[in-house]
Amino acid sequence: MEARIAWFESRHIQYGQFTFTDKSNNQSNENLIIDWKEKFAAKSGEKFRLVWDCTGLQDYESACRMLWKETVRQTLHQIDRIWIISNPEIIKALPYLMYFFEGINFKMICLGKNIYKISR
């Protein structure tokens, strides 16, 4: 199944909700990133909150990580914050995520037996 994105506005704030399922691959990520860059270009003066729902993500191709990292870097000036919704397995990657999101306000919501939030 492919990753998908939905754009919406709530209380005058722009949101992009990314939903990842199964294995994230380069083709589905490239399509998302084209949509992401086009949306940001069309609203160049606005900030966005991005919601990354990774609860269905089982695996990803390593090239995807570099693609996302570069896109975040290119669009950093329009990102207000990133919310990551995941299951406990991604918590293992927290030190990497903190490096990846250096300079970005991000919040991680972990779903499992207990729901908890990690913020920076």
PDB file of N, CA and C in Angstrom:
ATOM      1  N   MET A   1       0.837  -1.177   0.000  1.00  0.00           N
ATOM      2  CA  MET A   1       0.000   0.000   0.000  1.00  0.00           C
ATOM      3  C   MET A   1       0.885   1.244   0.000  1.00  0.00           C
ATOM      4  N   GLU A   2       0.419   2.295  -0.600  1.00  0.00           N
ATOM      5  CA  GLU A   2       1.215   3.519  -0.703  1.00  0.00           C
ATOM      6  C   GLU A   2       0.998   4.451   0.475  1.00  0.00           C
ATOM      7  N   ALA A   3       1.983   5.269   0.705  1.00  0.00           N
ATOM      8  CA  ALA A   3       1.844   6.350   1.668  1.00  0.00           C
ATOM      9  C   ALA A   3       0.949   7.410   1.033  1.00  0.00           C
ATOM     10  N   ARG A   4       0.283   8.169   1.853  1.00  0.00           N
ATOM     11  CA  ARG A   4      -0.596   9.212   1.314  1.00  0.00           C
ATOM     12  C   ARG A   4      -0.525  10.461   2.194  1.00  0.00           C
ATOM     13  N   ILE A   5      -1.023  11.557   1.624  1.00  0.00           N
ATOM     14  CA  ILE A   5      -1.010  12.825   2.348  1.00  0.00           C
ATOM     15  C   ILE A   5      -2.347  13.519   2.169  1.00  0.00           C
ATOM     16  N   ALA A   6      -2.813  14.156   3.240  1.00  0.00           N
ATOM     17  CA  ALA A   6      -4.037  14.956   3.201  1.00  0.00           C
ATOM     18  C   ALA A   6      -3.695  16.340   3.734  1.00  0.00           C
ATOM     19  N   TRP A   7      -4.127  17.362   3.024  1.00  0.00           N
ATOM     20  CA  TRP A   7      -3.887  18.744   3.440  1.00  0.00           C
ATOM     21  C   TRP A   7      -5.188  19.317   3.975  1.00  0.00           C
ATOM     22  N   PHE A   8      -5.125  20.039   5.081  1.00  0.00           N
ATOM     23  CA  PHE A   8      -6.314  20.692   5.620  1.00  0.00           C
ATOM     24  C   PHE A   8      -5.909  21.902   6.448  1.00  0.00           C
ATOM     25  N   GLU A   9      -6.896  22.723   6.720  1.00  0.00           N
ATOM     26  CA  GLU A   9      -6.688  23.906   7.551  1.00  0.00           C
ATOM     27  C   GLU A   9      -7.629  23.827   8.734  1.00  0.00           C
ATOM     28  N   SER A  10      -7.117  24.154   9.908  1.00  0.00           N
ATOM     29  CA  SER A  10      -7.918  24.169  11.119  1.00  0.00           C
ATOM     30  C   SER A  10      -7.492  25.364  11.957  1.00  0.00           C
ATOM     31  N   ARG A  11      -8.446  26.204  12.297  1.00  0.00           N
ATOM     32  CA  ARG A  11      -8.178  27.401  13.106  1.00  0.00           C
ATOM     33  C   ARG A  11      -7.045  28.241  12.508  1.00  0.00           C
ATOM     34  N   HIS A  12      -7.096  28.412  11.201  1.00  0.00           N
ATOM     35  CA  HIS A  12      -6.131  29.230  10.449  1.00  0.00           C
ATOM     36  C   HIS A  12      -4.715  28.666  10.467  1.00  0.00           C
ATOM     37  N   ILE A  13      -4.589  27.386  10.735  1.00  0.00           N
ATOM     38  CA  ILE A  13      -3.286  26.718  10.714  1.00  0.00           C
ATOM     39  C   ILE A  13      -3.320  25.665   9.607  1.00  0.00           C
ATOM     40  N   GLN A  14      -2.280  25.636   8.787  1.00  0.00           N
ATOM     41  CA  GLN A  14      -2.170  24.664   7.704  1.00  0.00           C
ATOM     42  C   GLN A  14      -1.574  23.360   8.238  1.00  0.00           C
ATOM     43  N   TYR A  15      -2.166  22.241   7.849  1.00  0.00           N
ATOM     44  CA  TYR A  15      -1.683  20.924   8.259  1.00  0.00           C
ATOM     45  C   TYR A  15      -1.457  20.036   7.044  1.00  0.00           C
ATOM     46  N   GLY A  16      -0.463  19.189   7.147  1.00  0.00           N
ATOM     47  CA  GLY A  16      -0.259  18.115   6.189  1.00  0.00           C
ATOM     48  C   GLY A  16      -0.189  16.825   6.977  1.00  0.00           C
ATOM     49  N   GLN A  17      -1.136  15.925   6.728  1.00  0.00           N
ATOM     50  CA  GLN A  17      -1.156  14.655   7.451  1.00  0.00           C
ATOM     51  C   GLN A  17      -0.658  13.547   6.530  1.00  0.00           C
ATOM     52  N   PHE A  18       0.511  13.019   6.858  1.00  0.00           N
ATOM     53  CA  PHE A  18       1.137  11.943   6.099  1.00  0.00           C
ATOM     54  C   PHE A  18       0.782  10.622   6.784  1.00  0.00           C
ATOM     55  N   THR A  19       0.313   9.667   6.015  1.00  0.00           N
ATOM     56  CA  THR A  19      -0.018   8.352   6.558  1.00  0.00           C
ATOM     57  C   THR A  19       0.825   7.314   5.838  1.00  0.00           C
ATOM     58  N   PHE A  20       1.599   6.576   6.608  1.00  0.00           N
ATOM     59  CA  PHE A  20       2.497   5.562   6.056  1.00  0.00           C
ATOM     60  C   PHE A  20       1.954   4.181   6.403  1.00  0.00           C
ATOM     61  N   THR A  21       1.968   3.292   5.417  1.00  0.00           N
ATOM     62  CA  THR A  21       1.505   1.933   5.646  1.00  0.00           C
ATOM     63  C   THR A  21       2.505   0.948   5.056  1.00  0.00           C
ATOM     64  N   ASP A  22       2.544  -0.215   5.638  1.00  0.00           N
ATOM     65  CA  ASP A  22       3.419  -1.299   5.176  1.00  0.00           C
ATOM     66  C   ASP A  22       4.861  -0.837   5.058  1.00  0.00           C
ATOM     67  N   LYS A  23       5.472  -1.060   3.914  1.00  0.00           N
ATOM     68  CA  LYS A  23       6.870  -0.670   3.699  1.00  0.00           C
ATOM     69  C   LYS A  23       6.914   0.606   2.876  1.00  0.00           C
ATOM     70  N   SER A  24       7.606   1.586   3.387  1.00  0.00           N
ATOM     71  CA  SER A  24       7.781   2.848   2.675  1.00  0.00           C
ATOM     72  C   SER A  24       8.849   2.642   1.609  1.00  0.00           C
ATOM     73  N   ASN A  25       8.505   2.977   0.352  1.00  0.00           N
ATOM     74  CA  ASN A  25       9.480   2.812  -0.724  1.00  0.00           C
ATOM     75  C   ASN A  25       9.725   4.137  -1.431  1.00  0.00           C
ATOM     76  N   ASN A  26      10.753   4.173  -2.234  1.00  0.00           N
ATOM     77  CA  ASN A  26      11.146   5.416  -2.896  1.00  0.00           C
ATOM     78  C   ASN A  26      10.048   5.999  -3.764  1.00  0.00           C
ATOM     79  N   GLN A  27       9.352   5.175  -4.548  1.00  0.00           N
ATOM     80  CA  GLN A  27       8.337   5.700  -5.458  1.00  0.00           C
ATOM     81  C   GLN A  27       7.222   6.417  -4.708  1.00  0.00           C
ATOM     82  N   SER A  28       6.668   5.788  -3.675  1.00  0.00           N
ATOM     83  CA  SER A  28       5.590   6.433  -2.929  1.00  0.00           C
ATOM     84  C   SER A  28       6.094   7.675  -2.209  1.00  0.00           C
ATOM     85  N   ASN A  29       7.326   7.644  -1.726  1.00  0.00           N
ATOM     86  CA  ASN A  29       7.895   8.815  -1.053  1.00  0.00           C
ATOM     87  C   ASN A  29       8.158   9.950  -2.022  1.00  0.00           C
ATOM     88  N   GLU A  30       8.643   9.644  -3.206  1.00  0.00           N
ATOM     89  CA  GLU A  30       8.881  10.696  -4.196  1.00  0.00           C
ATOM     90  C   GLU A  30       7.576  11.395  -4.563  1.00  0.00           C
ATOM     91  N   ASN A  31       6.489  10.637  -4.695  1.00  0.00           N
ATOM     92  CA  ASN A  31       5.190  11.243  -4.995  1.00  0.00           C
ATOM     93  C   ASN A  31       4.730  12.155  -3.860  1.00  0.00           C
ATOM     94  N   LEU A  32       4.895  11.709  -2.620  1.00  0.00           N
ATOM     95  CA  LEU A  32       4.528  12.544  -1.469  1.00  0.00           C
ATOM     96  C   LEU A  32       5.348  13.822  -1.426  1.00  0.00           C
ATOM     97  N   ILE A  33       6.624  13.689  -1.682  1.00  0.00           N
ATOM     98  CA  ILE A  33       7.509  14.846  -1.579  1.00  0.00           C
ATOM     99  C   ILE A  33       7.216  15.859  -2.675  1.00  0.00           C
ATOM    100  N   ILE A  34       6.861  15.402  -3.871  1.00  0.00           N
ATOM    101  CA  ILE A  34       6.454  16.333  -4.932  1.00  0.00           C
ATOM    102  C   ILE A  34       5.227  17.114  -4.480  1.00  0.00           C
ATOM    103  N   ASP A  35       4.238  16.409  -3.927  1.00  0.00           N
ATOM    104  CA  ASP A  35       3.025  17.058  -3.422  1.00  0.00           C
ATOM    105  C   ASP A  35       3.369  18.039  -2.305  1.00  0.00           C
ATOM    106  N   TRP A  36       4.232  17.627  -1.389  1.00  0.00           N
ATOM    107  CA  TRP A  36       4.666  18.455  -0.261  1.00  0.00           C
ATOM    108  C   TRP A  36       5.296  19.748  -0.768  1.00  0.00           C
ATOM    109  N   LYS A  37       6.254  19.641  -1.669  1.00  0.00           N
ATOM    110  CA  LYS A  37       6.951  20.829  -2.172  1.00  0.00           C
ATOM    111  C   LYS A  37       6.012  21.746  -2.950  1.00  0.00           C
ATOM    112  N   GLU A  38       5.088  21.169  -3.733  1.00  0.00           N
ATOM    113  CA  GLU A  38       4.126  21.982  -4.480  1.00  0.00           C
ATOM    114  C   GLU A  38       3.209  22.745  -3.538  1.00  0.00           C
ATOM    115  N   LYS A  39       2.741  22.099  -2.490  1.00  0.00           N
ATOM    116  CA  LYS A  39       1.851  22.743  -1.520  1.00  0.00           C
ATOM    117  C   LYS A  39       2.579  23.870  -0.797  1.00  0.00           C
ATOM    118  N   PHE A  40       3.815  23.616  -0.376  1.00  0.00           N
ATOM    119  CA  PHE A  40       4.589  24.645   0.312  1.00  0.00           C
ATOM    120  C   PHE A  40       4.877  25.819  -0.625  1.00  0.00           C
ATOM    121  N   ALA A  41       5.166  25.548  -1.890  1.00  0.00           N
ATOM    122  CA  ALA A  41       5.444  26.618  -2.855  1.00  0.00           C
ATOM    123  C   ALA A  41       4.198  27.465  -3.097  1.00  0.00           C
ATOM    124  N   ALA A  42       3.030  26.828  -3.149  1.00  0.00           N
ATOM    125  CA  ALA A  42       1.778  27.549  -3.381  1.00  0.00           C
ATOM    126  C   ALA A  42       1.406  28.445  -2.201  1.00  0.00           C
ATOM    127  N   LYS A  43       1.894  28.115  -1.021  1.00  0.00           N
ATOM    128  CA  LYS A  43       1.607  28.895   0.194  1.00  0.00           C
ATOM    129  C   LYS A  43       2.920  29.287   0.843  1.00  0.00           C
ATOM    130  N   SER A  44       3.757  29.932   0.054  1.00  0.00           N
ATOM    131  CA  SER A  44       5.144  30.194   0.461  1.00  0.00           C
ATOM    132  C   SER A  44       5.280  31.062   1.706  1.00  0.00           C
ATOM    133  N   GLY A  45       4.300  31.864   2.027  1.00  0.00           N
ATOM    134  CA  GLY A  45       4.399  32.722   3.192  1.00  0.00           C
ATOM    135  C   GLY A  45       3.831  32.111   4.455  1.00  0.00           C
ATOM    136  N   GLU A  46       3.374  30.875   4.391  1.00  0.00           N
ATOM    137  CA  GLU A  46       2.707  30.265   5.532  1.00  0.00           C
ATOM    138  C   GLU A  46       3.543  29.154   6.161  1.00  0.00           C
ATOM    139  N   LYS A  47       3.257  28.927   7.429  1.00  0.00           N
ATOM    140  CA  LYS A  47       3.890  27.826   8.169  1.00  0.00           C
ATOM    141  C   LYS A  47       2.914  26.654   8.217  1.00  0.00           C
ATOM    142  N   PHE A  48       3.470  25.453   8.315  1.00  0.00           N
ATOM    143  CA  PHE A  48       2.679  24.239   8.350  1.00  0.00           C
ATOM    144  C   PHE A  48       3.022  23.410   9.574  1.00  0.00           C
ATOM    145  N   ARG A  49       2.041  22.683  10.040  1.00  0.00           N
ATOM    146  CA  ARG A  49       2.258  21.631  11.030  1.00  0.00           C
ATOM    147  C   ARG A  49       2.091  20.320  10.291  1.00  0.00           C
ATOM    148  N   LEU A  50       3.094  19.482  10.392  1.00  0.00           N
ATOM    149  CA  LEU A  50       3.064  18.201   9.710  1.00  0.00           C
ATOM    150  C   LEU A  50       2.792  17.088  10.715  1.00  0.00           C
ATOM    151  N   VAL A  51       1.890  16.206  10.364  1.00  0.00           N
ATOM    152  CA  VAL A  51       1.551  15.059  11.191  1.00  0.00           C
ATOM    153  C   VAL A  51       1.988  13.826  10.416  1.00  0.00           C
ATOM    154  N   TRP A  52       2.921  13.083  10.986  1.00  0.00           N
ATOM    155  CA  TRP A  52       3.410  11.856  10.351  1.00  0.00           C
ATOM    156  C   TRP A  52       2.856  10.669  11.117  1.00  0.00           C
ATOM    157  N   ASP A  53       1.856  10.011  10.551  1.00  0.00           N
ATOM    158  CA  ASP A  53       1.252   8.845  11.181  1.00  0.00           C
ATOM    159  C   ASP A  53       2.014   7.608  10.709  1.00  0.00           C
ATOM    160  N   CYS A  54       2.872   7.104  11.565  1.00  0.00           N
ATOM    161  CA  CYS A  54       3.722   5.953  11.239  1.00  0.00           C
ATOM    162  C   CYS A  54       3.216   4.668  11.875  1.00  0.00           C
ATOM    163  N   THR A  55       1.983   4.672  12.366  1.00  0.00           N
ATOM    164  CA  THR A  55       1.480   3.499  13.080  1.00  0.00           C
ATOM    165  C   THR A  55       1.366   2.273  12.184  1.00  0.00           C
ATOM    166  N   GLY A  56       1.199   2.462  10.878  1.00  0.00           N
ATOM    167  CA  GLY A  56       1.091   1.327   9.968  1.00  0.00           C
ATOM    168  C   GLY A  56       2.389   0.978   9.276  1.00  0.00           C
ATOM    169  N   LEU A  57       3.439   1.735   9.543  1.00  0.00           N
ATOM    170  CA  LEU A  57       4.720   1.527   8.870  1.00  0.00           C
ATOM    171  C   LEU A  57       5.433   0.311   9.445  1.00  0.00           C
ATOM    172  N   GLN A  58       5.782  -0.611   8.577  1.00  0.00           N
ATOM    173  CA  GLN A  58       6.490  -1.819   9.002  1.00  0.00           C
ATOM    174  C   GLN A  58       7.989  -1.714   8.751  1.00  0.00           C
ATOM    175  N   ASP A  59       8.367  -1.035   7.669  1.00  0.00           N
ATOM    176  CA  ASP A  59       9.763  -0.950   7.269  1.00  0.00           C
ATOM    177  C   ASP A  59       9.888   0.182   6.256  1.00  0.00           C
ATOM    178  N   TYR A  60      11.119   0.571   5.951  1.00  0.00           N
ATOM    179  CA  TYR A  60      11.337   1.574   4.920  1.00  0.00           C
ATOM    180  C   TYR A  60      12.672   1.310   4.239  1.00  0.00           C
ATOM    181  N   GLU A  61      12.773   1.774   2.995  1.00  0.00           N
ATOM    182  CA  GLU A  61      14.028   1.666   2.268  1.00  0.00           C
ATOM    183  C   GLU A  61      14.964   2.746   2.787  1.00  0.00           C
ATOM    184  N   SER A  62      16.230   2.423   2.929  1.00  0.00           N
ATOM    185  CA  SER A  62      17.174   3.382   3.513  1.00  0.00           C
ATOM    186  C   SER A  62      17.283   4.667   2.692  1.00  0.00           C
ATOM    187  N   ALA A  63      17.089   4.581   1.392  1.00  0.00           N
ATOM    188  CA  ALA A  63      17.152   5.787   0.561  1.00  0.00           C
ATOM    189  C   ALA A  63      16.043   6.769   0.919  1.00  0.00           C
ATOM    190  N   CYS A  64      14.942   6.260   1.456  1.00  0.00           N
ATOM    191  CA  CYS A  64      13.824   7.131   1.853  1.00  0.00           C
ATOM    192  C   CYS A  64      14.243   8.101   2.951  1.00  0.00           C
ATOM    193  N   ARG A  65      15.037   7.608   3.890  1.00  0.00           N
ATOM    194  CA  ARG A  65      15.469   8.452   5.012  1.00  0.00           C
ATOM    195  C   ARG A  65      16.216   9.680   4.509  1.00  0.00           C
ATOM    196  N   MET A  66      17.114   9.478   3.550  1.00  0.00           N
ATOM    197  CA  MET A  66      17.880  10.604   3.011  1.00  0.00           C
ATOM    198  C   MET A  66      16.979  11.569   2.243  1.00  0.00           C
ATOM    199  N   LEU A  67      16.020  11.027   1.513  1.00  0.00           N
ATOM    200  CA  LEU A  67      15.074  11.844   0.764  1.00  0.00           C
ATOM    201  C   LEU A  67      14.259  12.730   1.703  1.00  0.00           C
ATOM    202  N   TRP A  68      13.774  12.148   2.804  1.00  0.00           N
ATOM    203  CA  TRP A  68      12.989  12.909   3.778  1.00  0.00           C
ATOM    204  C   TRP A  68      13.856  13.943   4.493  1.00  0.00           C
ATOM    205  N   LYS A  69      15.046  13.544   4.863  1.00  0.00           N
ATOM    206  CA  LYS A  69      15.941  14.466   5.565  1.00  0.00           C
ATOM    207  C   LYS A  69      16.225  15.690   4.697  1.00  0.00           C
ATOM    208  N   GLU A  70      16.501  15.474   3.425  1.00  0.00           N
ATOM    209  CA  GLU A  70      16.783  16.589   2.517  1.00  0.00           C
ATOM    210  C   GLU A  70      15.551  17.470   2.314  1.00  0.00           C
ATOM    211  N   THR A  71      14.375  16.861   2.216  1.00  0.00           N
ATOM    212  CA  THR A  71      13.156  17.647   2.026  1.00  0.00           C
ATOM    213  C   THR A  71      12.836  18.472   3.261  1.00  0.00           C
ATOM    214  N   VAL A  72      13.029  17.899   4.444  1.00  0.00           N
ATOM    215  CA  VAL A  72      12.836  18.674   5.679  1.00  0.00           C
ATOM    216  C   VAL A  72      13.797  19.856   5.682  1.00  0.00           C
ATOM    217  N   ARG A  73      15.032  19.626   5.327  1.00  0.00           N
ATOM    218  CA  ARG A  73      16.028  20.696   5.295  1.00  0.00           C
ATOM    219  C   ARG A  73      15.607  21.813   4.318  1.00  0.00           C
ATOM    220  N   GLN A  74      15.097  21.431   3.145  1.00  0.00           N
ATOM    221  CA  GLN A  74      14.697  22.407   2.130  1.00  0.00           C
ATOM    222  C   GLN A  74      13.460  23.206   2.528  1.00  0.00           C
ATOM    223  N   THR A  75      12.585  22.612   3.324  1.00  0.00           N
ATOM    224  CA  THR A  75      11.317  23.272   3.673  1.00  0.00           C
ATOM    225  C   THR A  75      11.268  23.732   5.130  1.00  0.00           C
ATOM    226  N   LEU A  76      12.386  23.654   5.808  1.00  0.00           N
ATOM    227  CA  LEU A  76      12.454  23.965   7.237  1.00  0.00           C
ATOM    228  C   LEU A  76      11.841  25.323   7.580  1.00  0.00           C
ATOM    229  N   HIS A  77      12.040  26.311   6.735  1.00  0.00           N
ATOM    230  CA  HIS A  77      11.543  27.660   7.015  1.00  0.00           C
ATOM    231  C   HIS A  77      10.014  27.732   7.052  1.00  0.00           C
ATOM    232  N   GLN A  78       9.317  26.703   6.540  1.00  0.00           N
ATOM    233  CA  GLN A  78       7.854  26.701   6.557  1.00  0.00           C
ATOM    234  C   GLN A  78       7.267  25.681   7.531  1.00  0.00           C
ATOM    235  N   ILE A  79       8.117  24.982   8.257  1.00  0.00           N
ATOM    236  CA  ILE A  79       7.623  23.975   9.193  1.00  0.00           C
ATOM    237  C   ILE A  79       7.533  24.580  10.589  1.00  0.00           C
ATOM    238  N   ASP A  80       6.314  24.630  11.101  1.00  0.00           N
ATOM    239  CA  ASP A  80       6.090  25.117  12.459  1.00  0.00           C
ATOM    240  C   ASP A  80       6.442  24.024  13.468  1.00  0.00           C
ATOM    241  N   ARG A  81       5.961  22.808  13.196  1.00  0.00           N
ATOM    242  CA  ARG A  81       6.280  21.660  14.041  1.00  0.00           C
ATOM    243  C   ARG A  81       5.891  20.392  13.322  1.00  0.00           C
ATOM    244  N   ILE A  82       6.459  19.301  13.776  1.00  0.00           N
ATOM    245  CA  ILE A  82       6.129  17.982  13.242  1.00  0.00           C
ATOM    246  C   ILE A  82       5.637  17.126  14.391  1.00  0.00           C
ATOM    247  N   TRP A  83       4.505  16.491  14.191  1.00  0.00           N
ATOM    248  CA  TRP A  83       3.973  15.538  15.153  1.00  0.00           C
ATOM    249  C   TRP A  83       4.183  14.160  14.562  1.00  0.00           C
ATOM    250  N   ILE A  84       4.784  13.258  15.320  1.00  0.00           N
ATOM    251  CA  ILE A  84       5.018  11.890  14.876  1.00  0.00           C
ATOM    252  C   ILE A  84       4.146  10.980  15.732  1.00  0.00           C
ATOM    253  N   ILE A  85       3.297  10.216  15.074  1.00  0.00           N
ATOM    254  CA  ILE A  85       2.442   9.259  15.771  1.00  0.00           C
ATOM    255  C   ILE A  85       2.959   7.875  15.409  1.00  0.00           C
ATOM    256  N   SER A  86       3.285   7.095  16.415  1.00  0.00           N
ATOM    257  CA  SER A  86       3.893   5.802  16.133  1.00  0.00           C
ATOM    258  C   SER A  86       3.575   4.800  17.218  1.00  0.00           C
ATOM    259  N   ASN A  87       4.069   3.597  16.993  1.00  0.00           N
ATOM    260  CA  ASN A  87       3.989   2.560  18.011  1.00  0.00           C
ATOM    261  C   ASN A  87       5.342   2.506  18.725  1.00  0.00           C
ATOM    262  N   PRO A  88       5.469   1.746  19.793  1.00  0.00           N
ATOM    263  CA  PRO A  88       6.682   1.794  20.615  1.00  0.00           C
ATOM    264  C   PRO A  88       7.997   1.492  19.900  1.00  0.00           C
ATOM    265  N   GLU A  89       7.966   0.769  18.790  1.00  0.00           N
ATOM    266  CA  GLU A  89       9.208   0.402  18.118  1.00  0.00           C
ATOM    267  C   GLU A  89      10.027   1.618  17.682  1.00  0.00           C
ATOM    268  N   ILE A  90       9.365   2.704  17.309  1.00  0.00           N
ATOM    269  CA  ILE A  90      10.111   3.866  16.827  1.00  0.00           C
ATOM    270  C   ILE A  90      10.831   4.586  17.965  1.00  0.00           C
ATOM    271  N   ILE A  91      10.411   4.342  19.196  1.00  0.00           N
ATOM    272  CA  ILE A  91      11.083   4.961  20.344  1.00  0.00           C
ATOM    273  C   ILE A  91      12.560   4.590  20.350  1.00  0.00           C
ATOM    274  N   LYS A  92      12.887   3.410  19.855  1.00  0.00           N
ATOM    275  CA  LYS A  92      14.281   2.984  19.782  1.00  0.00           C
ATOM    276  C   LYS A  92      15.105   3.934  18.925  1.00  0.00           C
ATOM    277  N   ALA A  93      14.447   4.604  18.005  1.00  0.00           N
ATOM    278  CA  ALA A  93      15.138   5.524  17.093  1.00  0.00           C
ATOM    279  C   ALA A  93      15.146   6.957  17.622  1.00  0.00           C
ATOM    280  N   LEU A  94      14.717   7.178  18.843  1.00  0.00           N
ATOM    281  CA  LEU A  94      14.606   8.538  19.378  1.00  0.00           C
ATOM    282  C   LEU A  94      15.900   9.343  19.303  1.00  0.00           C
ATOM    283  N   PRO A  95      17.056   8.804  19.675  1.00  0.00           N
ATOM    284  CA  PRO A  95      18.272   9.620  19.559  1.00  0.00           C
ATOM    285  C   PRO A  95      18.517  10.084  18.118  1.00  0.00           C
ATOM    286  N   TYR A  96      18.272   9.207  17.156  1.00  0.00           N
ATOM    287  CA  TYR A  96      18.429   9.600  15.746  1.00  0.00           C
ATOM    288  C   TYR A  96      17.413  10.663  15.368  1.00  0.00           C
ATOM    289  N   LEU A  97      16.154  10.491  15.815  1.00  0.00           N
ATOM    290  CA  LEU A  97      15.125  11.465  15.475  1.00  0.00           C
ATOM    291  C   LEU A  97      15.467  12.846  16.023  1.00  0.00           C
ATOM    292  N   MET A  98      16.008  12.900  17.228  1.00  0.00           N
ATOM    293  CA  MET A  98      16.359  14.194  17.808  1.00  0.00           C
ATOM    294  C   MET A  98      17.448  14.873  16.982  1.00  0.00           C
ATOM    295  N   TYR A  99      18.377  14.092  16.439  1.00  0.00           N
ATOM    296  CA  TYR A  99      19.394  14.655  15.560  1.00  0.00           C
ATOM    297  C   TYR A  99      18.766  15.081  14.231  1.00  0.00           C
ATOM    298  N   PHE A 100      17.914  14.223  13.688  1.00  0.00           N
ATOM    299  CA  PHE A 100      17.256  14.472  12.405  1.00  0.00           C
ATOM    300  C   PHE A 100      16.440  15.758  12.458  1.00  0.00           C
ATOM    301  N   PHE A 101      15.748  15.991  13.584  1.00  0.00           N
ATOM    302  CA  PHE A 101      14.875  17.145  13.714  1.00  0.00           C
ATOM    303  C   PHE A 101      15.519  18.304  14.464  1.00  0.00           C
ATOM    304  N   GLU A 102      16.831  18.353  14.478  1.00  0.00           N
ATOM    305  CA  GLU A 102      17.510  19.450  15.154  1.00  0.00           C
ATOM    306  C   GLU A 102      17.019  20.778  14.591  1.00  0.00           C
ATOM    307  N   GLY A 103      16.599  21.656  15.462  1.00  0.00           N
ATOM    308  CA  GLY A 103      16.100  22.958  15.044  1.00  0.00           C
ATOM    309  C   GLY A 103      14.616  22.971  14.734  1.00  0.00           C
ATOM    310  N   ILE A 104      13.937  21.832  14.878  1.00  0.00           N
ATOM    311  CA  ILE A 104      12.503  21.747  14.594  1.00  0.00           C
ATOM    312  C   ILE A 104      11.769  21.404  15.881  1.00  0.00           C
ATOM    313  N   ASN A 105      10.662  22.077  16.091  1.00  0.00           N
ATOM    314  CA  ASN A 105       9.788  21.745  17.206  1.00  0.00           C
ATOM    315  C   ASN A 105       9.036  20.473  16.814  1.00  0.00           C
ATOM    316  N   PHE A 106       9.276  19.369  17.509  1.00  0.00           N
ATOM    317  CA  PHE A 106       8.552  18.154  17.177  1.00  0.00           C
ATOM    318  C   PHE A 106       7.986  17.506  18.428  1.00  0.00           C
ATOM    319  N   LYS A 107       6.912  16.785  18.224  1.00  0.00           N
ATOM    320  CA  LYS A 107       6.269  16.052  19.299  1.00  0.00           C
ATOM    321  C   LYS A 107       6.059  14.633  18.816  1.00  0.00           C
ATOM    322  N   MET A 108       6.335  13.685  19.687  1.00  0.00           N
ATOM    323  CA  MET A 108       6.138  12.286  19.352  1.00  0.00           C
ATOM    324  C   MET A 108       5.051  11.726  20.254  1.00  0.00           C
ATOM    325  N   ILE A 109       4.068  11.097  19.646  1.00  0.00           N
ATOM    326  CA  ILE A 109       2.996  10.453  20.385  1.00  0.00           C
ATOM    327  C   ILE A 109       3.128   8.964  20.115  1.00  0.00           C
ATOM    328  N   CYS A 110       3.315   8.205  21.158  1.00  0.00           N
ATOM    329  CA  CYS A 110       3.532   6.773  21.019  1.00  0.00           C
ATOM    330  C   CYS A 110       2.275   6.033  21.458  1.00  0.00           C
ATOM    331  N   LEU A 111       1.784   5.172  20.590  1.00  0.00           N
ATOM    332  CA  LEU A 111       0.598   4.386  20.888  1.00  0.00           C
ATOM    333  C   LEU A 111       1.020   2.970  21.237  1.00  0.00           C
ATOM    334  N   GLY A 112       0.485   2.453  22.271  1.00  0.00           N
ATOM    335  CA  GLY A 112       0.782   1.095  22.705  1.00  0.00           C
ATOM    336  C   GLY A 112      -0.147   0.787  23.858  1.00  0.00           C
ATOM    337  N   LYS A 113       0.337   0.002  24.808  1.00  0.00           N
ATOM    338  CA  LYS A 113      -0.482  -0.245  25.995  1.00  0.00           C
ATOM    339  C   LYS A 113      -0.755   1.068  26.717  1.00  0.00           C
ATOM    340  N   ASN A 114       0.256   1.918  26.729  1.00  0.00           N
ATOM    341  CA  ASN A 114       0.113   3.243  27.324  1.00  0.00           C
ATOM    342  C   ASN A 114       0.352   4.275  26.238  1.00  0.00           C
ATOM    343  N   ILE A 115      -0.369   5.341  26.290  1.00  0.00           N
ATOM    344  CA  ILE A 115      -0.154   6.433  25.350  1.00  0.00           C
ATOM    345  C   ILE A 115       0.686   7.478  26.077  1.00  0.00           C
ATOM    346  N   TYR A 116       1.777   7.860  25.474  1.00  0.00           N
ATOM    347  CA  TYR A 116       2.602   8.891  26.080  1.00  0.00           C
ATOM    348  C   TYR A 116       3.192   9.786  25.009  1.00  0.00           C
ATOM    349  N   LYS A 117       3.642  10.938  25.445  1.00  0.00           N
ATOM    350  CA  LYS A 117       4.104  11.955  24.514  1.00  0.00           C
ATOM    351  C   LYS A 117       5.504  12.376  24.893  1.00  0.00           C
ATOM    352  N   ILE A 118       6.339  12.538  23.881  1.00  0.00           N
ATOM    353  CA  ILE A 118       7.694  13.051  24.073  1.00  0.00           C
ATOM    354  C   ILE A 118       7.754  14.353  23.294  1.00  0.00           C
ATOM    355  N   SER A 119       8.138  15.419  23.937  1.00  0.00           N
ATOM    356  CA  SER A 119       8.199  16.720  23.274  1.00  0.00           C
ATOM    357  C   SER A 119       9.559  17.333  23.368  1.00  0.00           C
ATOM    358  N   ARG A 120       9.830  18.199  22.428  1.00  0.00           N
ATOM    359  CA  ARG A 120      11.047  18.986  22.500  1.00  0.00           C
ATOM    360  C   ARG A 120      10.711  20.377  22.037  1.00  0.00           C
TER     361      ARG A 120
END
